[in-house]
Every structure is written in C-alpha cells, then in structure tokens.
Amino acid sequence: MGWDTAVLETIDAHRVDWLDDVARRLMDIGQPKGTYVLAFVLALGFALVFRAWGAVVAALVSSVVATGVAEWAKEVIGRARPPAGLALVPTDGTAMPSSIGALTAGAAVPLILWGLRRADLVGRLLAAVLTAGTVLIGLSMVYLGAHWLSDVLAGWALGGAIGFVAFRLAAWRPARRGIRPSAATGTDRRDP
C-alpha cells in the first residue's frame, strides 16, 4: 500500500480544478443506467455495420462476467477504499479490484483485438480509441480518489484476461474434416 498511498498523495497535491471537472464527468458518464443501454445499442449497430458479431458478443459477455467476478473478489479481498482526505468523491464498499476497470477492459479487449486483427485504419483507430478510453476512465477513478492505482491495475488485468478468453472463444472454429483451402484459388476442395 506504500506506493499506492504515495501515488494518491502526489495526485492530491497537484489537483487542478479543470482536471477535477473532467474526471468527475468521466465518472458521471458511467452512473446512469441509460449509459449501458446506449452502449448496448451502439454495440449492436457496430456489429451490424462491421459484421463483427463475435467480437461484440464477446465484449458484452466479458464485461458482465468481469464485473461480476470483480464484485465477488472485492468481497473476498475486503480492501478499503482511499481515505476521505484523499478523495474528491464519496466512496463506500471495498476497492480491490476495480469493477469499473474490469468492466471497461472486459468490454474493450475483444473489440481492440478485433480491430488489431483487421489491420487497417478503422481497426487501428478503434483499438486506439478504446485503449485511450479505458485508460482515461481507470485513471480518473484514481485521480478522484475512488480507487487506489493497484485496484485499477487489478481490474484491468482481470477484465483484460476475461475479454481475451471471450474473444478467443468467439473466434474459435472447429476444424472441418476433409475440406482444405486450395492454394491456387483460395476455394475449398475435398480431400480424396
């Protein structure tokens, strides 16, 4: 906890009003239930436009699973949140791992991997935006004193791992026996 305390004390000593406002707004975006409905609708639209159903389903499932596992782990670990003297927002409950860190990483990682697999401008842009958004939201929780830095790092690791597994499962295809691609035409042909 020594380095966590040092990080938060350093942040507390250097907070500025405009950054306080930005961090609060990032936190407020995730509060209303309408945000999750909007995210779901956008995800479905994204899947429809880019035909990325597997990645979107993986993102939706892994965000729910990662959040549930994080909430369970918080109860098991029982780590206290930062003290009120270092926090800009009221907090309650336990802190480790950050469920918002787990949720955002769980949702982002399958789509980031999908974007990187595309290997084009759209894919790279999607990966960059989702990575930046996940990092900004997590760091805003630390900046506000709602979480210790290690809480967020643990949440990201948990959500990222679950998101990776969900993406791999969504991309998995069983081998089809007797059919292999033709090297010359790229079409399938039956093995004799």
C-alpha atoms as a PDB file:
ATOM      1  CA  MET A   1       0.000   0.000   0.000  1.00  0.00           C
ATOM      2  CA  GLY A   2       3.002   2.313   0.394  1.00  0.00           C
ATOM      3  CA  TRP A   3       3.324   3.109  -3.303  1.00  0.00           C
ATOM      4  CA  ASP A   4      -0.462   3.370  -3.711  1.00  0.00           C
ATOM      5  CA  THR A   5      -0.556   5.948  -0.939  1.00  0.00           C
ATOM      6  CA  ALA A   6       2.410   7.817  -2.422  1.00  0.00           C
ATOM      7  CA  VAL A   7       0.721   7.975  -5.838  1.00  0.00           C
ATOM      8  CA  LEU A   8      -2.552   9.263  -4.421  1.00  0.00           C
ATOM      9  CA  GLU A   9      -0.825  11.790  -2.136  1.00  0.00           C
ATOM     10  CA  THR A  10       1.120  13.105  -5.148  1.00  0.00           C
ATOM     11  CA  ILE A  11      -2.089  13.406  -7.163  1.00  0.00           C
ATOM     12  CA  ASP A  12      -3.825  15.146  -4.244  1.00  0.00           C
ATOM     13  CA  ALA A  13      -1.020  17.700  -4.005  1.00  0.00           C
ATOM     14  CA  HIS A  14      -1.269  18.538  -7.723  1.00  0.00           C
ATOM     15  CA  ARG A  15      -5.001  18.517  -8.464  1.00  0.00           C
ATOM     16  CA  VAL A  16      -6.376  21.366 -10.577  1.00  0.00           C
ATOM     17  CA  ASP A  17      -9.992  22.491 -10.975  1.00  0.00           C
ATOM     18  CA  TRP A  18     -10.354  21.778 -14.699  1.00  0.00           C
ATOM     19  CA  LEU A  19      -8.983  18.258 -14.326  1.00  0.00           C
ATOM     20  CA  ASP A  20     -11.239  17.687 -11.316  1.00  0.00           C
ATOM     21  CA  ASP A  21     -14.196  18.530 -13.566  1.00  0.00           C
ATOM     22  CA  VAL A  22     -13.020  16.257 -16.408  1.00  0.00           C
ATOM     23  CA  ALA A  23     -12.509  13.323 -14.026  1.00  0.00           C
ATOM     24  CA  ARG A  24     -15.915  13.842 -12.408  1.00  0.00           C
ATOM     25  CA  ARG A  25     -17.599  13.947 -15.818  1.00  0.00           C
ATOM     26  CA  LEU A  26     -15.896  10.720 -16.872  1.00  0.00           C
ATOM     27  CA  MET A  27     -17.157   9.093 -13.674  1.00  0.00           C
ATOM     28  CA  ASP A  28     -20.656  10.543 -14.136  1.00  0.00           C
ATOM     29  CA  ILE A  29     -20.930   9.091 -17.661  1.00  0.00           C
ATOM     30  CA  GLY A  30     -20.993   5.587 -16.204  1.00  0.00           C
ATOM     31  CA  GLN A  31     -23.565   6.273 -13.489  1.00  0.00           C
ATOM     32  CA  PRO A  32     -26.963   6.318 -15.247  1.00  0.00           C
ATOM     33  CA  LYS A  33     -28.422   3.034 -16.481  1.00  0.00           C
ATOM     34  CA  GLY A  34     -29.152   4.769 -19.784  1.00  0.00           C
ATOM     35  CA  THR A  35     -25.409   4.746 -20.492  1.00  0.00           C
ATOM     36  CA  TYR A  36     -25.419   0.954 -20.534  1.00  0.00           C
ATOM     37  CA  VAL A  37     -28.494   0.821 -22.762  1.00  0.00           C
ATOM     38  CA  LEU A  38     -26.832   3.271 -25.171  1.00  0.00           C
ATOM     39  CA  ALA A  39     -23.613   1.225 -25.129  1.00  0.00           C
ATOM     40  CA  PHE A  40     -25.618  -1.929 -25.918  1.00  0.00           C
ATOM     41  CA  VAL A  41     -27.401  -0.259 -28.840  1.00  0.00           C
ATOM     42  CA  LEU A  42     -24.111   1.140 -30.178  1.00  0.00           C
ATOM     43  CA  ALA A  43     -22.527  -2.310 -29.875  1.00  0.00           C
ATOM     44  CA  LEU A  44     -25.341  -3.874 -31.884  1.00  0.00           C
ATOM     45  CA  GLY A  45     -25.034  -1.133 -34.510  1.00  0.00           C
ATOM     46  CA  PHE A  46     -21.277  -1.668 -34.652  1.00  0.00           C
ATOM     47  CA  ALA A  47     -21.747  -5.427 -35.093  1.00  0.00           C
ATOM     48  CA  LEU A  48     -24.254  -4.852 -37.867  1.00  0.00           C
ATOM     49  CA  VAL A  49     -22.130  -2.316 -39.781  1.00  0.00           C
ATOM     50  CA  PHE A  50     -18.807  -4.142 -39.444  1.00  0.00           C
ATOM     51  CA  ARG A  51     -20.147  -7.697 -39.262  1.00  0.00           C
ATOM     52  CA  ALA A  52     -18.272  -8.137 -36.007  1.00  0.00           C
ATOM     53  CA  TRP A  53     -20.866 -10.199 -34.171  1.00  0.00           C
ATOM     54  CA  GLY A  54     -18.381 -12.500 -32.450  1.00  0.00           C
ATOM     55  CA  ALA A  55     -16.285  -9.639 -31.084  1.00  0.00           C
ATOM     56  CA  VAL A  56     -19.346  -7.703 -29.925  1.00  0.00           C
ATOM     57  CA  VAL A  57     -20.898 -10.717 -28.200  1.00  0.00           C
ATOM     58  CA  ALA A  58     -17.509 -11.422 -26.585  1.00  0.00           C
ATOM     59  CA  ALA A  59     -17.330  -7.786 -25.395  1.00  0.00           C
ATOM     60  CA  LEU A  60     -20.840  -7.830 -23.953  1.00  0.00           C
ATOM     61  CA  VAL A  61     -20.409 -11.182 -22.213  1.00  0.00           C
ATOM     62  CA  SER A  62     -16.920 -10.451 -20.884  1.00  0.00           C
ATOM     63  CA  SER A  63     -17.950  -7.046 -19.489  1.00  0.00           C
ATOM     64  CA  VAL A  64     -20.739  -8.689 -17.483  1.00  0.00           C
ATOM     65  CA  VAL A  65     -18.580 -11.613 -16.348  1.00  0.00           C
ATOM     66  CA  ALA A  66     -15.620  -9.373 -15.450  1.00  0.00           C
ATOM     67  CA  THR A  67     -17.849  -7.052 -13.420  1.00  0.00           C
ATOM     68  CA  GLY A  68     -19.392  -9.982 -11.561  1.00  0.00           C
ATOM     69  CA  VAL A  69     -16.020 -11.552 -10.795  1.00  0.00           C
ATOM     70  CA  ALA A  70     -14.636  -8.179  -9.661  1.00  0.00           C
ATOM     71  CA  GLU A  71     -17.589  -7.601  -7.318  1.00  0.00           C
ATOM     72  CA  TRP A  72     -17.118 -11.075  -5.851  1.00  0.00           C
ATOM     73  CA  ALA A  73     -13.347 -10.562  -5.497  1.00  0.00           C
ATOM     74  CA  LYS A  74     -13.911  -7.232  -3.711  1.00  0.00           C
ATOM     75  CA  GLU A  75     -15.888  -9.019  -1.018  1.00  0.00           C
ATOM     76  CA  VAL A  76     -13.263 -11.738  -0.664  1.00  0.00           C
ATOM     77  CA  ILE A  77     -10.285  -9.332  -0.595  1.00  0.00           C
ATOM     78  CA  GLY A  78     -12.025  -6.685   1.504  1.00  0.00           C
ATOM     79  CA  ARG A  79      -9.570  -3.875   0.792  1.00  0.00           C
ATOM     80  CA  ALA A  80     -10.682  -0.435   1.974  1.00  0.00           C
ATOM     81  CA  ARG A  81     -11.020   2.454  -0.444  1.00  0.00           C
ATOM     82  CA  PRO A  82      -8.764   5.511  -0.152  1.00  0.00           C
ATOM     83  CA  PRO A  83      -9.488   7.715   2.869  1.00  0.00           C
ATOM     84  CA  ALA A  84     -11.883  10.656   2.506  1.00  0.00           C
ATOM     85  CA  GLY A  85      -8.999  13.100   2.937  1.00  0.00           C
ATOM     86  CA  LEU A  86      -7.518  11.937  -0.374  1.00  0.00           C
ATOM     87  CA  ALA A  87     -10.799  11.541  -2.263  1.00  0.00           C
ATOM     88  CA  LEU A  88     -12.795  14.107  -4.216  1.00  0.00           C
ATOM     89  CA  VAL A  89     -15.869  11.886  -4.320  1.00  0.00           C
ATOM     90  CA  PRO A  90     -17.666   9.941  -1.602  1.00  0.00           C
ATOM     91  CA  THR A  91     -16.929   6.232  -1.725  1.00  0.00           C
ATOM     92  CA  ASP A  92     -18.250   3.185   0.038  1.00  0.00           C
ATOM     93  CA  GLY A  93     -17.690  -0.519  -0.106  1.00  0.00           C
ATOM     94  CA  THR A  94     -14.456  -2.229  -0.928  1.00  0.00           C
ATOM     95  CA  ALA A  95     -11.917  -1.380  -3.584  1.00  0.00           C
ATOM     96  CA  MET A  96      -9.846  -4.273  -4.963  1.00  0.00           C
ATOM     97  CA  PRO A  97     -10.179  -4.978  -7.883  1.00  0.00           C
ATOM     98  CA  SER A  98     -11.848  -2.001  -9.518  1.00  0.00           C
ATOM     99  CA  SER A  99     -15.112  -3.188 -11.048  1.00  0.00           C
ATOM    100  CA  ILE A 100     -15.126  -0.224 -13.465  1.00  0.00           C
ATOM    101  CA  GLY A 101     -11.598  -1.208 -14.522  1.00  0.00           C
ATOM    102  CA  ALA A 102     -12.743  -4.799 -15.037  1.00  0.00           C
ATOM    103  CA  LEU A 103     -15.887  -3.745 -16.909  1.00  0.00           C
ATOM    104  CA  THR A 104     -14.152  -1.348 -19.277  1.00  0.00           C
ATOM    105  CA  ALA A 105     -11.262  -3.708 -20.024  1.00  0.00           C
ATOM    106  CA  GLY A 106     -13.637  -6.648 -20.410  1.00  0.00           C
ATOM    107  CA  ALA A 107     -15.710  -4.692 -22.917  1.00  0.00           C
ATOM    108  CA  ALA A 108     -12.769  -3.118 -24.744  1.00  0.00           C
ATOM    109  CA  VAL A 109     -10.309  -6.004 -25.144  1.00  0.00           C
ATOM    110  CA  PRO A 110     -12.385  -8.153 -27.550  1.00  0.00           C
ATOM    111  CA  LEU A 111     -13.047  -5.107 -29.735  1.00  0.00           C
ATOM    112  CA  ILE A 112      -9.414  -3.981 -29.544  1.00  0.00           C
ATOM    113  CA  LEU A 113      -8.290  -7.444 -30.621  1.00  0.00           C
ATOM    114  CA  TRP A 114     -10.865  -7.434 -33.417  1.00  0.00           C
ATOM    115  CA  GLY A 115      -9.572  -4.040 -34.564  1.00  0.00           C
ATOM    116  CA  LEU A 116      -5.946  -5.159 -34.481  1.00  0.00           C
ATOM    117  CA  ARG A 117      -6.829  -8.320 -36.389  1.00  0.00           C
ATOM    118  CA  ARG A 118      -8.445  -6.154 -39.101  1.00  0.00           C
ATOM    119  CA  ALA A 119      -5.060  -4.466 -39.554  1.00  0.00           C
ATOM    120  CA  ASP A 120      -6.484  -1.436 -41.353  1.00  0.00           C
ATOM    121  CA  LEU A 121      -7.090   2.202 -40.439  1.00  0.00           C
ATOM    122  CA  VAL A 122     -10.553   1.529 -38.997  1.00  0.00           C
ATOM    123  CA  GLY A 123      -9.236  -1.298 -36.853  1.00  0.00           C
ATOM    124  CA  ARG A 124      -6.247   0.639 -35.580  1.00  0.00           C
ATOM    125  CA  LEU A 125      -8.387   3.700 -34.861  1.00  0.00           C
ATOM    126  CA  LEU A 126     -10.916   1.590 -32.945  1.00  0.00           C
ATOM    127  CA  ALA A 127      -8.126  -0.053 -30.931  1.00  0.00           C
ATOM    128  CA  ALA A 128      -6.569   3.328 -30.107  1.00  0.00           C
ATOM    129  CA  VAL A 129      -9.856   4.951 -29.073  1.00  0.00           C
ATOM    130  CA  LEU A 130     -10.917   2.029 -26.890  1.00  0.00           C
ATOM    131  CA  THR A 131      -7.492   1.775 -25.263  1.00  0.00           C
ATOM    132  CA  ALA A 132      -7.432   5.509 -24.539  1.00  0.00           C
ATOM    133  CA  GLY A 133     -10.979   5.457 -23.189  1.00  0.00           C
ATOM    134  CA  THR A 134     -10.289   2.511 -20.896  1.00  0.00           C
ATOM    135  CA  VAL A 135      -7.111   4.139 -19.569  1.00  0.00           C
ATOM    136  CA  LEU A 136      -8.781   7.537 -19.074  1.00  0.00           C
ATOM    137  CA  ILE A 137     -11.712   6.093 -17.157  1.00  0.00           C
ATOM    138  CA  GLY A 138      -9.462   3.998 -14.917  1.00  0.00           C
ATOM    139  CA  LEU A 139      -7.065   6.850 -14.227  1.00  0.00           C
ATOM    140  CA  SER A 140      -9.963   9.178 -13.472  1.00  0.00           C
ATOM    141  CA  MET A 141     -11.022   6.794 -10.687  1.00  0.00           C
ATOM    142  CA  VAL A 142      -7.536   7.064  -9.199  1.00  0.00           C
ATOM    143  CA  TYR A 143      -7.429  10.842  -9.694  1.00  0.00           C
ATOM    144  CA  LEU A 144     -10.752  11.227  -7.881  1.00  0.00           C
ATOM    145  CA  GLY A 145      -9.561   9.006  -5.026  1.00  0.00           C
ATOM    146  CA  ALA A 146     -12.323   6.457  -5.635  1.00  0.00           C
ATOM    147  CA  HIS A 147      -9.673   3.727  -6.099  1.00  0.00           C
ATOM    148  CA  TRP A 148      -6.038   3.046  -5.411  1.00  0.00           C
ATOM    149  CA  LEU A 149      -3.927   2.654  -8.557  1.00  0.00           C
ATOM    150  CA  SER A 150      -3.376  -1.049  -7.845  1.00  0.00           C
ATOM    151  CA  ASP A 151      -7.180  -1.535  -7.693  1.00  0.00           C
ATOM    152  CA  VAL A 152      -7.484  -0.225 -11.240  1.00  0.00           C
ATOM    153  CA  LEU A 153      -4.490  -2.229 -12.480  1.00  0.00           C
ATOM    154  CA  ALA A 154      -6.002  -5.392 -10.990  1.00  0.00           C
ATOM    155  CA  GLY A 155      -9.376  -4.575 -12.567  1.00  0.00           C
ATOM    156  CA  TRP A 156      -7.760  -4.043 -15.959  1.00  0.00           C
ATOM    157  CA  ALA A 157      -5.849  -7.326 -15.659  1.00  0.00           C
ATOM    158  CA  LEU A 158      -8.995  -9.220 -14.674  1.00  0.00           C
ATOM    159  CA  GLY A 159     -11.197  -7.658 -17.356  1.00  0.00           C
ATOM    160  CA  GLY A 160      -8.479  -7.935 -19.992  1.00  0.00           C
ATOM    161  CA  ALA A 161      -7.931 -11.629 -19.287  1.00  0.00           C
ATOM    162  CA  ILE A 162     -11.655 -12.382 -19.406  1.00  0.00           C
ATOM    163  CA  GLY A 163     -12.013 -10.280 -22.569  1.00  0.00           C
ATOM    164  CA  PHE A 164      -9.120 -12.129 -24.209  1.00  0.00           C
ATOM    165  CA  VAL A 165     -10.619 -15.531 -23.397  1.00  0.00           C
ATOM    166  CA  ALA A 166     -14.059 -14.419 -24.630  1.00  0.00           C
ATOM    167  CA  PHE A 167     -12.549 -13.128 -27.881  1.00  0.00           C
ATOM    168  CA  ARG A 168     -10.654 -16.388 -28.442  1.00  0.00           C
ATOM    169  CA  LEU A 169     -13.773 -18.437 -27.745  1.00  0.00           C
ATOM    170  CA  ALA A 170     -15.835 -16.285 -30.112  1.00  0.00           C
ATOM    171  CA  ALA A 171     -13.191 -16.639 -32.838  1.00  0.00           C
ATOM    172  CA  TRP A 172     -12.755 -20.402 -32.351  1.00  0.00           C
ATOM    173  CA  ARG A 173     -13.931 -22.563 -35.221  1.00  0.00           C
ATOM    174  CA  PRO A 174     -13.785 -26.359 -35.145  1.00  0.00           C
ATOM    175  CA  ALA A 175     -11.687 -27.906 -37.891  1.00  0.00           C
ATOM    176  CA  ARG A 176     -13.732 -29.284 -40.755  1.00  0.00           C
ATOM    177  CA  ARG A 177     -12.503 -32.699 -41.816  1.00  0.00           C
ATOM    178  CA  GLY A 178     -11.979 -33.477 -45.435  1.00  0.00           C
ATOM    179  CA  ILE A 179     -12.047 -29.869 -46.649  1.00  0.00           C
ATOM    180  CA  ARG A 180      -8.975 -27.729 -47.081  1.00  0.00           C
ATOM    181  CA  PRO A 181      -8.380 -24.478 -48.952  1.00  0.00           C
ATOM    182  CA  SER A 182      -6.885 -24.752 -52.397  1.00  0.00           C
ATOM    183  CA  ALA A 183      -3.573 -22.916 -52.519  1.00  0.00           C
ATOM    184  CA  ALA A 184      -4.112 -21.712 -56.067  1.00  0.00           C
ATOM    185  CA  THR A 185      -7.712 -20.491 -55.878  1.00  0.00           C
ATOM    186  CA  GLY A 186      -8.387 -19.995 -52.171  1.00  0.00           C
ATOM    187  CA  THR A 187     -11.526 -22.133 -52.524  1.00  0.00           C
ATOM    188  CA  ASP A 188     -12.376 -25.206 -50.543  1.00  0.00           C
ATOM    189  CA  ARG A 189     -11.877 -28.623 -52.094  1.00  0.00           C
ATOM    190  CA  ARG A 190     -12.476 -32.103 -50.804  1.00  0.00           C
ATOM    191  CA  ASP A 191      -9.546 -34.296 -49.909  1.00  0.00           C
ATOM    192  CA  PRO A 192      -9.654 -37.657 -51.659  1.00  0.00           C
END
